[in-house]
Each structure stands twice: as C-alpha cells, then as structure tokens.
C-alpha cells in the first residue's frame, strides 16, 4: 500500500543508543545483521525503547515494486530476518513459520557502495 510505504519505507533494526554508539551506528544508518545462516540489510532505528543488548529486526518485508517472477519474488529474500534464521524444515511449524525468535547475531554499519 502506497500510503503505508510512505510512512514506513524500509525494514528497520531497532537498537539501543548504548549499543549503537560503540558501533558508530546512528538513527537511519544502513546496517547488516549477520548470523551463521546469512546476512540481511536493514536501517537502524536507534531509541531507548528497546532493551540494551537486544536488537529487533523487521521480518516478512517485501517490495511490491520489484519483479514478481522467480527468483526475485518481489524481493522477498533480500531484507527479511527469516533469511538469517535456520532453514532446516524441522525448524518450522505447520504454517511455515520459524520458531526462532532469539538468535545471537552480529550487527555492523553497512558501507555505502
């Protein structure tokens, strides 16, 4: 929906200011979230409303403006947090949702270019 995309244009990673500062991450910066399963890019939302030592990455993000055909599928594999969680079918419930809601990860500022 066009109106919602204007309000919330990109996937966000929420991070506490005390965690962001040593990583030189500022509000709005592009960041990578990395696990052994993969890496995704989101944009930082630095605020005190999230617990120190914890980050929250948006999930289930897609881009309706991108091609719908395979392998793009509206960009569904690009920025979503499910890409960085274990992909073994045994790790999913009956509806295909991954049970993993808390994983160790590495967060760092994405370079422009």
N, C-alpha and C. Protein backbone atom coordinates (compact mmCIF):
# COMPACT_ATOMS: atom_id res chain seq x y z
N UNK A 1 0.84 -1.17 0.00
CA UNK A 1 0.00 0.00 0.00
C UNK A 1 0.88 1.24 0.00
N UNK A 2 0.62 2.09 -0.94
CA UNK A 2 1.45 3.27 -1.14
C UNK A 2 1.54 4.15 0.11
N UNK A 3 0.41 4.38 0.78
CA UNK A 3 0.40 5.24 1.97
C UNK A 3 1.27 4.65 3.08
N UNK A 4 1.16 3.34 3.30
CA UNK A 4 1.98 2.71 4.34
C UNK A 4 3.46 2.76 4.00
N UNK A 5 3.80 2.59 2.72
CA UNK A 5 5.22 2.66 2.34
C UNK A 5 5.80 4.06 2.55
N UNK A 6 4.98 5.09 2.41
CA UNK A 6 5.47 6.44 2.70
C UNK A 6 5.76 6.59 4.19
N UNK A 7 4.93 5.99 5.03
CA UNK A 7 5.10 6.07 6.48
C UNK A 7 6.26 5.20 6.95
N UNK A 8 6.41 4.03 6.34
CA UNK A 8 7.37 3.02 6.79
C UNK A 8 8.06 2.46 5.54
N UNK A 9 9.02 3.21 4.97
CA UNK A 9 9.55 2.86 3.65
C UNK A 9 10.56 1.71 3.60
N UNK A 10 11.22 1.40 4.71
CA UNK A 10 12.28 0.38 4.68
C UNK A 10 12.24 -0.47 5.93
N UNK A 11 12.77 -1.70 5.85
CA UNK A 11 12.84 -2.54 7.05
C UNK A 11 13.81 -1.94 8.06
N UNK A 12 13.44 -2.04 9.35
CA UNK A 12 14.24 -1.39 10.41
C UNK A 12 14.79 -2.40 11.40
N UNK A 13 15.96 -2.08 11.88
CA UNK A 13 16.56 -2.78 13.00
C UNK A 13 16.51 -1.83 14.19
N UNK A 14 15.85 -2.23 15.25
CA UNK A 14 15.80 -1.41 16.45
C UNK A 14 16.99 -1.75 17.33
N UNK A 15 17.67 -0.72 17.83
CA UNK A 15 18.86 -0.89 18.65
C UNK A 15 18.93 0.22 19.69
N UNK A 16 19.38 -0.12 20.89
CA UNK A 16 19.50 0.84 21.98
C UNK A 16 20.69 1.78 21.70
N UNK A 17 20.59 3.06 22.08
CA UNK A 17 21.68 4.01 21.85
C UNK A 17 23.02 3.57 22.43
N UNK A 18 23.00 2.93 23.61
CA UNK A 18 24.27 2.49 24.22
C UNK A 18 24.90 1.33 23.46
N UNK A 19 24.12 0.57 22.72
CA UNK A 19 24.66 -0.49 21.87
C UNK A 19 25.10 0.08 20.52
N UNK A 20 24.39 1.08 20.03
CA UNK A 20 24.69 1.67 18.73
C UNK A 20 25.96 2.52 18.75
N UNK A 21 26.19 3.24 19.84
CA UNK A 21 27.31 4.19 19.90
C UNK A 21 28.67 3.55 19.63
N UNK A 22 29.06 2.45 20.29
CA UNK A 22 30.38 1.86 20.02
C UNK A 22 30.51 1.31 18.60
N UNK A 23 29.38 1.10 17.93
CA UNK A 23 29.40 0.58 16.57
C UNK A 23 29.32 1.71 15.54
N UNK A 24 29.30 2.96 16.02
CA UNK A 24 29.16 4.15 15.17
C UNK A 24 27.89 4.11 14.33
N UNK A 25 26.84 3.52 14.89
CA UNK A 25 25.56 3.45 14.20
C UNK A 25 24.67 4.58 14.70
N UNK A 26 24.13 5.35 13.77
CA UNK A 26 23.22 6.43 14.09
C UNK A 26 21.85 6.13 13.49
N UNK A 27 20.85 6.79 14.01
CA UNK A 27 19.49 6.60 13.53
C UNK A 27 19.43 6.81 12.02
N UNK A 28 18.85 5.84 11.31
CA UNK A 28 18.71 5.93 9.86
C UNK A 28 19.84 5.31 9.07
N UNK A 29 20.92 4.91 9.73
CA UNK A 29 22.05 4.29 9.02
C UNK A 29 21.68 2.91 8.50
N UNK A 30 22.19 2.54 7.32
CA UNK A 30 22.03 1.16 6.87
C UNK A 30 22.95 0.26 7.69
N UNK A 31 22.43 -0.89 8.10
CA UNK A 31 23.21 -1.83 8.92
C UNK A 31 23.02 -3.24 8.39
N UNK A 32 24.01 -4.08 8.67
CA UNK A 32 23.89 -5.50 8.38
C UNK A 32 23.64 -6.24 9.68
N UNK A 33 22.78 -7.25 9.60
CA UNK A 33 22.54 -8.17 10.70
C UNK A 33 23.00 -9.52 10.19
N UNK A 34 23.96 -10.12 10.87
CA UNK A 34 24.59 -11.34 10.36
C UNK A 34 24.51 -12.48 11.37
N UNK A 35 24.17 -13.66 10.89
CA UNK A 35 24.19 -14.89 11.67
C UNK A 35 24.94 -15.92 10.83
N UNK A 36 25.21 -17.12 11.36
CA UNK A 36 25.85 -18.14 10.52
C UNK A 36 25.00 -18.52 9.30
N UNK A 37 23.71 -18.24 9.33
CA UNK A 37 22.82 -18.59 8.22
C UNK A 37 22.83 -17.57 7.09
N UNK A 38 23.22 -16.34 7.38
CA UNK A 38 23.19 -15.33 6.33
C UNK A 38 23.25 -13.92 6.88
N UNK A 39 23.13 -12.97 5.96
CA UNK A 39 23.23 -11.56 6.31
C UNK A 39 22.09 -10.81 5.63
N UNK A 40 21.50 -9.88 6.35
CA UNK A 40 20.46 -9.04 5.79
C UNK A 40 20.79 -7.57 6.06
N UNK A 41 20.24 -6.71 5.24
CA UNK A 41 20.45 -5.27 5.40
C UNK A 41 19.14 -4.63 5.80
N UNK A 42 19.21 -3.81 6.84
CA UNK A 42 18.06 -3.02 7.27
C UNK A 42 18.58 -1.64 7.67
N UNK A 43 17.69 -0.78 8.15
CA UNK A 43 18.07 0.57 8.54
C UNK A 43 17.82 0.76 10.02
N UNK A 44 18.79 1.37 10.68
CA UNK A 44 18.77 1.47 12.14
C UNK A 44 17.71 2.45 12.63
N UNK A 45 17.03 2.03 13.67
CA UNK A 45 16.17 2.91 14.46
C UNK A 45 16.76 2.87 15.86
N UNK A 46 17.48 3.92 16.21
CA UNK A 46 18.16 4.00 17.50
C UNK A 46 17.22 4.68 18.49
N UNK A 47 16.87 3.94 19.55
CA UNK A 47 15.98 4.52 20.55
C UNK A 47 16.09 3.73 21.85
N UNK A 48 15.66 4.36 22.92
CA UNK A 48 15.77 3.76 24.25
C UNK A 48 14.63 2.80 24.58
N UNK A 49 13.71 2.60 23.65
CA UNK A 49 12.57 1.74 23.90
C UNK A 49 12.86 0.26 23.73
N UNK A 50 14.09 -0.07 23.43
CA UNK A 50 14.47 -1.48 23.31
C UNK A 50 15.54 -1.78 24.35
N UNK A 51 15.51 -2.98 24.89
CA UNK A 51 16.45 -3.34 25.94
C UNK A 51 17.90 -3.35 25.42
N UNK A 52 18.82 -2.88 26.25
CA UNK A 52 20.24 -2.94 25.90
C UNK A 52 20.64 -4.39 25.69
N UNK A 53 21.49 -4.63 24.71
CA UNK A 53 21.96 -5.97 24.42
C UNK A 53 21.04 -6.77 23.52
N UNK A 54 19.92 -6.16 23.11
CA UNK A 54 18.95 -6.83 22.25
C UNK A 54 18.70 -5.96 21.03
N UNK A 55 18.55 -6.58 19.88
CA UNK A 55 18.12 -5.85 18.69
C UNK A 55 16.86 -6.53 18.15
N UNK A 56 16.08 -5.78 17.41
CA UNK A 56 14.88 -6.33 16.80
C UNK A 56 14.91 -6.00 15.32
N UNK A 57 14.92 -7.03 14.48
CA UNK A 57 14.93 -6.86 13.03
C UNK A 57 13.52 -7.10 12.49
N UNK A 58 13.09 -6.28 11.55
CA UNK A 58 11.80 -6.50 10.91
C UNK A 58 11.81 -7.81 10.14
N UNK A 59 10.69 -8.48 10.13
CA UNK A 59 10.53 -9.71 9.37
C UNK A 59 9.43 -9.53 8.33
N UNK A 60 9.36 -10.44 7.41
CA UNK A 60 8.30 -10.52 6.41
C UNK A 60 8.18 -9.26 5.56
N UNK A 61 9.30 -8.67 5.22
CA UNK A 61 9.30 -7.47 4.39
C UNK A 61 9.33 -7.89 2.92
N UNK A 62 8.68 -7.12 2.07
CA UNK A 62 8.71 -7.39 0.64
C UNK A 62 8.57 -6.09 -0.12
N UNK A 63 8.87 -6.13 -1.42
CA UNK A 63 8.87 -4.94 -2.26
C UNK A 63 7.94 -5.16 -3.45
N UNK A 64 6.69 -4.71 -3.37
CA UNK A 64 5.75 -4.94 -4.47
C UNK A 64 6.18 -4.29 -5.78
N UNK A 65 7.10 -3.35 -5.72
CA UNK A 65 7.57 -2.70 -6.95
C UNK A 65 8.62 -3.53 -7.69
N UNK A 66 9.11 -4.61 -7.07
CA UNK A 66 10.11 -5.48 -7.72
C UNK A 66 9.40 -6.58 -8.51
N UNK A 67 10.14 -7.23 -9.43
CA UNK A 67 9.51 -8.28 -10.25
C UNK A 67 8.91 -9.41 -9.42
N UNK A 68 7.74 -9.88 -9.87
CA UNK A 68 7.06 -10.95 -9.14
C UNK A 68 7.58 -12.33 -9.51
N UNK A 69 8.31 -12.44 -10.62
CA UNK A 69 8.76 -13.75 -11.09
C UNK A 69 9.94 -14.26 -10.27
N UNK A 70 10.10 -15.59 -10.30
CA UNK A 70 11.21 -16.26 -9.63
C UNK A 70 12.51 -15.88 -10.34
N UNK A 71 13.61 -15.59 -9.71
CA UNK A 71 13.90 -15.79 -8.30
C UNK A 71 13.64 -14.55 -7.43
N UNK A 72 13.20 -13.45 -8.02
CA UNK A 72 13.03 -12.22 -7.25
C UNK A 72 11.88 -12.31 -6.26
N UNK A 73 10.69 -12.70 -6.74
CA UNK A 73 9.51 -12.84 -5.89
C UNK A 73 9.27 -11.60 -5.03
N UNK A 74 9.25 -10.44 -5.70
CA UNK A 74 9.03 -9.16 -5.04
C UNK A 74 10.12 -8.82 -4.03
N UNK A 75 11.33 -9.38 -4.19
CA UNK A 75 12.44 -9.08 -3.28
C UNK A 75 12.33 -9.74 -1.93
N UNK A 76 11.49 -10.77 -1.82
CA UNK A 76 11.21 -11.38 -0.52
C UNK A 76 12.45 -11.96 0.15
N UNK A 77 13.47 -12.37 -0.61
CA UNK A 77 14.66 -12.98 0.01
C UNK A 77 15.71 -11.94 0.39
N UNK A 78 15.55 -10.71 0.00
CA UNK A 78 16.58 -9.71 0.24
C UNK A 78 16.70 -9.23 1.68
N UNK A 79 15.70 -8.57 2.25
CA UNK A 79 15.92 -7.92 3.53
C UNK A 79 15.29 -8.57 4.75
N UNK A 80 14.58 -9.67 4.61
CA UNK A 80 13.82 -10.16 5.75
C UNK A 80 14.66 -10.95 6.73
N UNK A 81 14.26 -10.93 7.97
CA UNK A 81 15.03 -11.61 9.00
C UNK A 81 14.95 -13.12 8.89
N UNK A 82 13.94 -13.67 8.22
CA UNK A 82 13.86 -15.12 8.07
C UNK A 82 15.06 -15.66 7.28
N UNK A 83 15.68 -14.82 6.47
CA UNK A 83 16.85 -15.25 5.70
C UNK A 83 18.03 -15.55 6.61
N UNK A 84 18.04 -15.00 7.79
CA UNK A 84 19.16 -15.18 8.71
C UNK A 84 18.87 -16.17 9.82
N UNK A 85 17.75 -16.90 9.70
CA UNK A 85 17.41 -17.93 10.68
C UNK A 85 17.57 -19.31 10.05
N UNK A 86 17.72 -20.35 10.85
CA UNK A 86 17.95 -21.69 10.30
C UNK A 86 16.89 -22.10 9.28
N UNK A 87 17.33 -22.70 8.18
CA UNK A 87 16.42 -23.05 7.10
C UNK A 87 15.99 -24.50 7.08
N UNK A 88 16.40 -25.30 8.04
CA UNK A 88 16.01 -26.70 8.11
C UNK A 88 14.49 -26.80 8.29
N UNK A 89 13.79 -27.58 7.45
CA UNK A 89 12.33 -27.69 7.59
C UNK A 89 11.88 -28.11 8.98
N UNK A 90 12.72 -28.81 9.73
CA UNK A 90 12.36 -29.21 11.08
C UNK A 90 12.24 -28.01 12.02
N UNK A 91 12.78 -26.87 11.61
CA UNK A 91 12.75 -25.68 12.45
C UNK A 91 11.49 -24.85 12.23
N UNK A 92 10.54 -25.34 11.42
CA UNK A 92 9.34 -24.59 11.10
C UNK A 92 8.09 -25.27 11.64
N UNK A 93 7.07 -24.48 11.93
CA UNK A 93 5.82 -25.05 12.40
C UNK A 93 4.92 -25.45 11.22
N UNK A 94 3.72 -25.84 11.52
CA UNK A 94 2.80 -26.33 10.49
C UNK A 94 2.50 -25.28 9.42
N UNK A 95 2.60 -24.00 9.75
CA UNK A 95 2.27 -22.93 8.81
C UNK A 95 3.51 -22.39 8.08
N UNK A 96 4.68 -22.96 8.37
CA UNK A 96 5.90 -22.49 7.72
C UNK A 96 6.61 -21.37 8.45
N UNK A 97 6.17 -21.06 9.66
CA UNK A 97 6.83 -20.02 10.46
C UNK A 97 7.99 -20.61 11.23
N UNK A 98 9.06 -19.86 11.31
CA UNK A 98 10.24 -20.31 12.05
C UNK A 98 10.05 -20.02 13.53
N UNK A 99 10.35 -20.99 14.36
CA UNK A 99 10.21 -20.83 15.81
C UNK A 99 11.26 -19.91 16.41
N UNK A 100 12.36 -19.71 15.72
CA UNK A 100 13.46 -18.93 16.27
C UNK A 100 13.10 -17.46 16.33
N UNK A 101 13.03 -16.94 17.52
CA UNK A 101 12.72 -15.53 17.73
C UNK A 101 13.88 -14.83 18.43
N UNK A 102 14.86 -15.59 18.86
CA UNK A 102 16.01 -15.02 19.54
C UNK A 102 17.26 -15.78 19.11
N UNK A 103 18.14 -15.09 18.41
CA UNK A 103 19.39 -15.68 17.95
C UNK A 103 20.53 -14.72 18.24
N UNK A 104 21.71 -15.27 18.44
CA UNK A 104 22.89 -14.42 18.52
C UNK A 104 23.16 -13.89 17.12
N UNK A 105 23.55 -12.63 17.06
CA UNK A 105 23.84 -12.04 15.76
C UNK A 105 24.95 -10.99 15.91
N UNK A 106 25.48 -10.62 14.79
CA UNK A 106 26.47 -9.55 14.71
C UNK A 106 25.81 -8.41 13.94
N UNK A 107 25.90 -7.20 14.47
CA UNK A 107 25.34 -6.03 13.82
C UNK A 107 26.47 -5.06 13.52
N UNK A 108 26.49 -4.56 12.31
CA UNK A 108 27.50 -3.56 11.97
C UNK A 108 27.00 -2.65 10.87
N UNK A 109 27.60 -1.46 10.83
CA UNK A 109 27.19 -0.45 9.88
C UNK A 109 27.52 -0.91 8.45
N UNK A 110 26.57 -0.75 7.54
CA UNK A 110 26.79 -1.13 6.15
C UNK A 110 27.53 -0.01 5.44
N UNK A 111 28.48 -0.39 4.64
CA UNK A 111 29.22 0.61 3.87
C UNK A 111 28.38 1.01 2.67
N UNK A 112 28.45 2.23 2.30
CA UNK A 112 27.72 2.74 1.14
C UNK A 112 28.57 2.48 -0.10
N UNK A 113 28.23 1.47 -0.86
CA UNK A 113 28.98 1.25 -2.09
C UNK A 113 29.57 -0.08 -2.22
